[in-house]
Protein backbone atom coordinates (compact mmCIF):
# COMPACT_ATOMS: atom_id res chain seq x y z
CA MET A 1 26.92 51.35 85.33
CA SER A 2 29.66 50.61 82.83
CA VAL A 3 31.34 53.55 81.15
CA ALA A 4 30.61 53.59 77.44
CA LEU A 5 33.39 54.50 75.05
CA ALA A 6 33.00 57.81 73.28
CA THR A 7 34.43 58.44 69.84
CA LYS A 8 37.72 60.23 70.39
CA PRO A 9 37.65 63.78 69.03
CA ASN A 10 40.54 65.14 67.02
CA ARG A 11 43.51 65.05 69.40
CA VAL A 12 45.16 68.03 67.75
CA GLY A 13 44.33 71.66 68.41
CA SER A 14 42.92 73.96 71.06
CA GLU A 15 39.72 71.97 71.66
CA TRP A 16 41.62 68.82 72.62
CA ALA A 17 43.91 70.76 74.96
CA LEU A 18 40.83 72.30 76.56
CA ARG A 19 39.22 68.87 76.88
CA VAL A 20 42.26 67.49 78.69
CA GLN A 21 42.38 70.45 81.08
CA LEU A 22 38.63 70.30 81.78
CA ALA A 23 38.72 66.55 82.39
CA GLY A 24 41.62 67.26 84.75
CA ALA A 25 39.45 69.82 86.52
CA TYR A 26 36.85 67.15 87.26
CA ARG A 27 39.57 64.95 88.76
CA VAL A 28 40.76 67.93 90.82
CA ALA A 29 37.23 68.46 92.14
CA HIS A 30 36.99 64.75 92.98
CA GLU A 31 40.38 64.84 94.71
CA LEU A 32 39.25 67.74 96.90
CA GLY A 33 36.04 66.00 97.95
CA TRP A 34 33.70 68.24 95.99
CA SER A 35 31.94 65.37 94.19
CA GLU A 36 28.22 65.04 94.81
CA LEU A 37 27.34 61.65 93.29
CA ILE A 38 26.84 62.45 89.56
CA TYR A 39 25.62 66.02 90.13
CA THR A 40 27.09 69.49 89.50
CA HIS A 41 29.27 70.69 86.66
CA ILE A 42 32.33 72.48 85.38
CA SER A 43 31.93 73.83 81.86
CA ALA A 44 34.35 75.44 79.43
CA ARG A 45 33.77 77.54 76.33
CA ILE A 46 35.36 76.17 73.16
CA PRO A 47 37.41 78.84 71.38
CA GLY A 48 35.90 80.12 68.15
CA THR A 49 32.88 81.93 66.83
CA GLU A 50 30.42 79.13 67.62
CA HIS A 51 28.65 79.24 70.97
CA HIS A 52 29.73 75.75 71.93
CA PHE A 53 30.96 74.54 75.26
CA LEU A 54 32.04 71.34 76.99
CA ILE A 55 30.32 69.82 80.00
CA ASN A 56 30.46 66.50 81.84
CA PRO A 57 28.49 63.47 80.64
CA TYR A 58 25.47 63.07 82.90
CA GLY A 59 25.55 59.80 84.80
CA LEU A 60 29.31 59.59 85.30
CA ARG A 61 31.21 60.29 88.49
CA PHE A 62 33.86 63.00 88.32
CA ASP A 63 36.60 60.33 88.42
CA GLU A 64 35.11 58.76 85.28
CA VAL A 65 35.23 61.92 83.17
CA THR A 66 37.80 61.89 80.38
CA ALA A 67 38.80 64.29 77.62
CA SER A 68 37.00 62.22 74.98
CA ASN A 69 33.70 61.63 76.82
CA LEU A 70 33.09 65.31 77.63
CA VAL A 71 29.94 66.43 75.81
CA ARG A 72 30.12 69.31 73.32
CA ILE A 73 26.83 71.21 73.26
CA ASN A 74 25.48 74.40 71.72
CA SER A 75 23.57 77.23 73.38
CA LEU A 76 20.31 75.28 73.00
CA GLY A 77 21.71 72.35 74.96
CA GLU A 78 21.89 70.16 71.87
CA LYS A 79 24.75 67.70 71.46
CA VAL A 80 27.00 68.70 68.60
CA ASP A 81 28.72 65.32 68.33
CA GLN A 82 26.06 62.64 68.01
CA SER A 83 28.66 59.87 68.18
CA ASN A 84 29.09 60.62 71.88
CA PRO A 85 26.80 58.18 73.75
CA TYR A 86 26.33 60.59 76.66
CA SER A 87 24.07 63.59 77.13
CA PRO A 88 24.28 66.68 79.36
CA ASN A 89 22.18 67.28 82.45
CA LYS A 90 19.27 69.66 81.83
CA ALA A 91 19.79 71.77 84.96
CA GLY A 92 23.51 72.00 84.29
CA PHE A 93 22.89 73.20 80.76
CA MET A 94 20.44 75.84 81.99
CA ILE A 95 22.79 77.42 84.53
CA HIS A 96 26.03 77.17 82.59
CA SER A 97 24.69 78.15 79.17
CA ALA A 98 23.11 81.28 80.64
CA ILE A 99 26.44 82.57 81.90
CA HIS A 100 28.49 81.48 78.89
CA MET A 101 26.04 83.18 76.54
CA ALA A 102 25.87 86.42 78.52
CA ARG A 103 29.52 86.79 79.50
CA GLU A 104 32.28 86.81 76.88
CA ASP A 105 34.79 86.55 79.71
CA ALA A 106 33.22 83.33 81.00
CA GLY A 107 35.73 80.83 79.67
CA CYS A 108 34.89 78.49 82.54
CA VAL A 109 31.92 78.19 84.90
CA TRP A 110 32.51 76.11 88.04
CA HIS A 111 29.42 75.07 90.03
CA MET A 112 29.46 72.64 92.97
CA HIS A 113 27.21 71.52 95.82
CA THR A 114 29.76 71.37 98.62
CA LEU A 115 28.56 70.90 102.19
CA ALA A 116 29.91 74.27 103.37
CA GLY A 117 28.72 76.06 100.23
CA MET A 118 25.19 74.73 100.56
CA ALA A 119 25.15 75.60 104.27
CA VAL A 120 26.16 79.24 103.73
CA ALA A 121 23.78 79.44 100.76
CA GLY A 122 21.05 78.70 103.29
CA GLN A 123 22.07 81.53 105.64
CA ASP A 124 20.19 84.82 105.52
CA GLU A 125 23.31 87.01 105.65
CA GLY A 126 25.21 84.95 103.08
CA LEU A 127 28.99 85.22 103.01
CA LEU A 128 30.50 87.24 105.87
CA PRO A 129 33.97 88.86 105.84
CA VAL A 130 35.22 86.49 108.53
CA HIS A 131 38.61 85.66 107.04
CA MET A 132 41.06 86.98 104.46
CA TYR A 133 39.85 84.36 101.98
CA SER A 134 36.35 85.80 102.16
CA HIS A 135 37.84 89.25 101.56
CA ASN A 136 38.60 88.03 98.00
CA PHE A 137 34.84 88.46 97.51
CA PHE A 138 34.23 91.54 99.65
CA ASN A 139 31.39 93.46 97.97
CA ARG A 140 32.07 91.27 94.93
CA VAL A 141 29.83 88.23 95.40
CA ALA A 142 26.39 88.09 93.82
CA TYR A 143 23.28 86.24 95.01
CA HIS A 144 20.52 84.50 93.12
CA GLU A 145 17.20 83.70 94.80
CA PHE A 146 16.14 80.07 94.88
CA GLU A 147 13.56 79.00 92.29
CA GLY A 148 13.96 75.23 92.55
CA PRO A 149 16.59 72.99 90.91
CA SER A 150 17.04 75.19 87.81
CA MET A 151 14.95 73.22 85.32
CA ARG A 152 13.14 76.10 83.54
CA LEU A 153 14.78 78.06 80.73
CA ASP A 154 13.13 81.35 81.68
CA GLU A 155 15.27 81.38 84.85
CA ARG A 156 18.34 82.09 82.69
CA GLU A 157 17.43 85.77 82.31
CA ARG A 158 17.09 86.22 86.06
CA LEU A 159 20.30 84.30 86.68
CA ILE A 160 22.18 86.60 84.30
CA ARG A 161 20.79 89.67 86.07
CA SER A 162 21.78 88.21 89.42
CA ILE A 163 25.43 87.58 88.59
CA GLY A 164 25.94 90.75 86.55
CA ALA A 165 29.67 91.34 86.11
CA GLU A 166 30.72 89.46 89.26
CA ASN A 167 32.83 86.30 89.20
CA ALA A 168 31.30 84.65 92.25
CA LEU A 169 27.65 83.73 92.79
CA ILE A 170 25.89 82.21 95.76
CA LEU A 171 22.78 80.42 94.59
CA ARG A 172 20.63 80.73 97.70
CA ASN A 173 19.49 77.42 99.18
CA HIS A 174 21.47 75.72 96.42
CA GLY A 175 25.26 76.10 96.17
CA LEU A 176 28.26 78.05 94.90
CA LEU A 177 29.37 79.14 91.42
CA THR A 178 32.45 80.91 90.10
CA VAL A 179 33.48 82.26 86.71
CA GLY A 180 36.93 82.54 85.19
CA LYS A 181 38.55 83.44 81.90
CA THR A 182 40.39 80.14 82.28
CA ILE A 183 39.74 76.87 84.08
CA PRO A 184 42.46 77.50 86.72
CA GLU A 185 41.03 80.98 87.34
CA ALA A 186 37.53 79.62 87.99
CA PHE A 187 39.08 76.87 90.13
CA ILE A 188 41.00 79.11 92.53
CA ARG A 189 37.98 81.38 92.93
CA PHE A 190 35.85 78.36 93.80
CA TRP A 191 38.47 76.96 96.19
CA ARG A 192 38.66 80.25 98.06
CA LEU A 193 34.90 80.79 98.07
CA ASN A 194 34.26 77.30 99.40
CA ARG A 195 37.06 77.63 101.95
CA SER A 196 35.54 80.93 103.05
CA CYS A 197 32.27 79.11 103.72
CA GLU A 198 34.05 76.37 105.68
CA ILE A 199 35.83 78.94 107.85
CA GLN A 200 32.62 80.92 108.38
CA LEU A 201 30.76 77.86 109.64
CA ALA A 202 33.59 77.05 112.04
CA ALA A 203 33.85 80.65 113.27
CA GLN A 204 30.12 80.88 113.92
CA ALA A 205 30.60 78.57 116.89
CA ALA A 206 31.59 81.72 118.83
CA LYS A 207 31.07 85.48 118.58
CA LEU A 208 32.40 86.74 115.26
CA ARG A 209 35.04 89.45 115.02
CA LEU A 210 34.69 91.16 111.63
CA PRO A 211 37.26 93.65 110.27
CA SER A 212 36.15 97.12 109.20
CA LYS A 213 34.95 97.69 105.63
CA GLU A 214 38.11 99.67 104.93
CA VAL A 215 40.36 96.83 106.06
CA CYS A 216 38.29 94.28 104.12
CA GLU A 217 38.72 96.31 100.93
CA GLN A 218 42.44 96.66 101.59
CA SER A 219 42.64 92.92 102.16
CA TYR A 220 40.86 92.34 98.83
CA GLN A 221 43.40 94.46 96.96
CA MET A 222 46.33 92.71 98.62
CA GLY A 223 44.75 89.33 97.90
CA GLU A 224 44.52 90.11 94.20
CA GLU A 225 48.18 91.09 94.22
CA PHE A 226 49.17 87.94 96.10
CA LEU A 227 47.24 85.58 93.82
CA THR A 228 48.82 86.89 90.61
CA ASP A 229 52.33 87.55 91.91
CA GLN A 230 54.15 84.79 90.00
CA ALA A 231 51.68 83.21 87.57
CA PRO A 232 48.25 83.75 86.01
CA LEU A 233 45.40 83.55 88.51
CA GLY A 234 44.94 80.00 89.78
CA GLN A 235 47.55 78.34 87.56
CA LEU A 236 50.03 77.35 90.29
CA GLU A 237 47.31 76.04 92.60
CA PHE A 238 45.50 74.10 89.86
CA ASP A 239 48.73 72.54 88.60
CA SER A 240 49.79 71.53 92.11
CA ILE A 241 46.69 69.32 92.56
CA LEU A 242 46.91 67.98 89.01
CA ARG A 243 50.51 66.83 89.60
CA LYS A 244 49.32 64.78 92.56
CA ILE A 245 46.63 63.18 90.41
CA ASP A 246 49.03 62.56 87.50
CA SER A 247 51.37 60.65 89.81
CA ARG A 248 48.61 58.05 90.29
CA ASP A 249 46.35 58.17 87.23
CA THR A 250 46.44 59.96 83.90
CA SER A 251 43.35 58.28 82.41
CA TYR A 252 41.49 61.62 82.28
CA LYS A 253 43.72 62.57 79.33
CA ASN A 254 42.25 59.80 77.15
């Protein structure tokens, strides 16, 4: 399909800066191999009193997402800007709007269907404390039981109860989701959660050696210290991938 041109929003102000960073996040996800055809989403809350957020245009690949074609929608899933030719995905709206509406700290919701994430989401025990990356989520990852591909609005209440105050959610038999105050924060949580799943699958080829609960908790505390030692959570890691993308293509900023 050809990519239609969206009317360019005002290029001045906090919304445009957020659009550029969110479009960059989609290119980061594509760069890391997290794309799943046209599925899955990263959403960001627009600053202000309105419950509006940005999400990808349904039907476009991640490498086709730009700052101007991101769709601005309200809590009912309605497009705010009718000049945008694209619409959001219904399932994406259901999951993301639930968390944005319930959590004031949910500046960004990052949800992907990675191979490792879907595989661990299908395991009865869920995420195991196999590696120090998984210790970032020790006793701090929530689970949501599978109800199908999230097409019914009444699931939002149960989804909100499932995630509670946690910043990582494993949607059983579905995939992974992380929450952050910022886009880089949600990104680094997702990277580490997905990497934890990859390591777990590799380690399960032999007998697992799991640290004690005390050591896992200690590892969590040290991990939090490590990740925020020199910059806000996720900023250095997010920027490092974006620099690589910018060296080849900056079209996401349009």
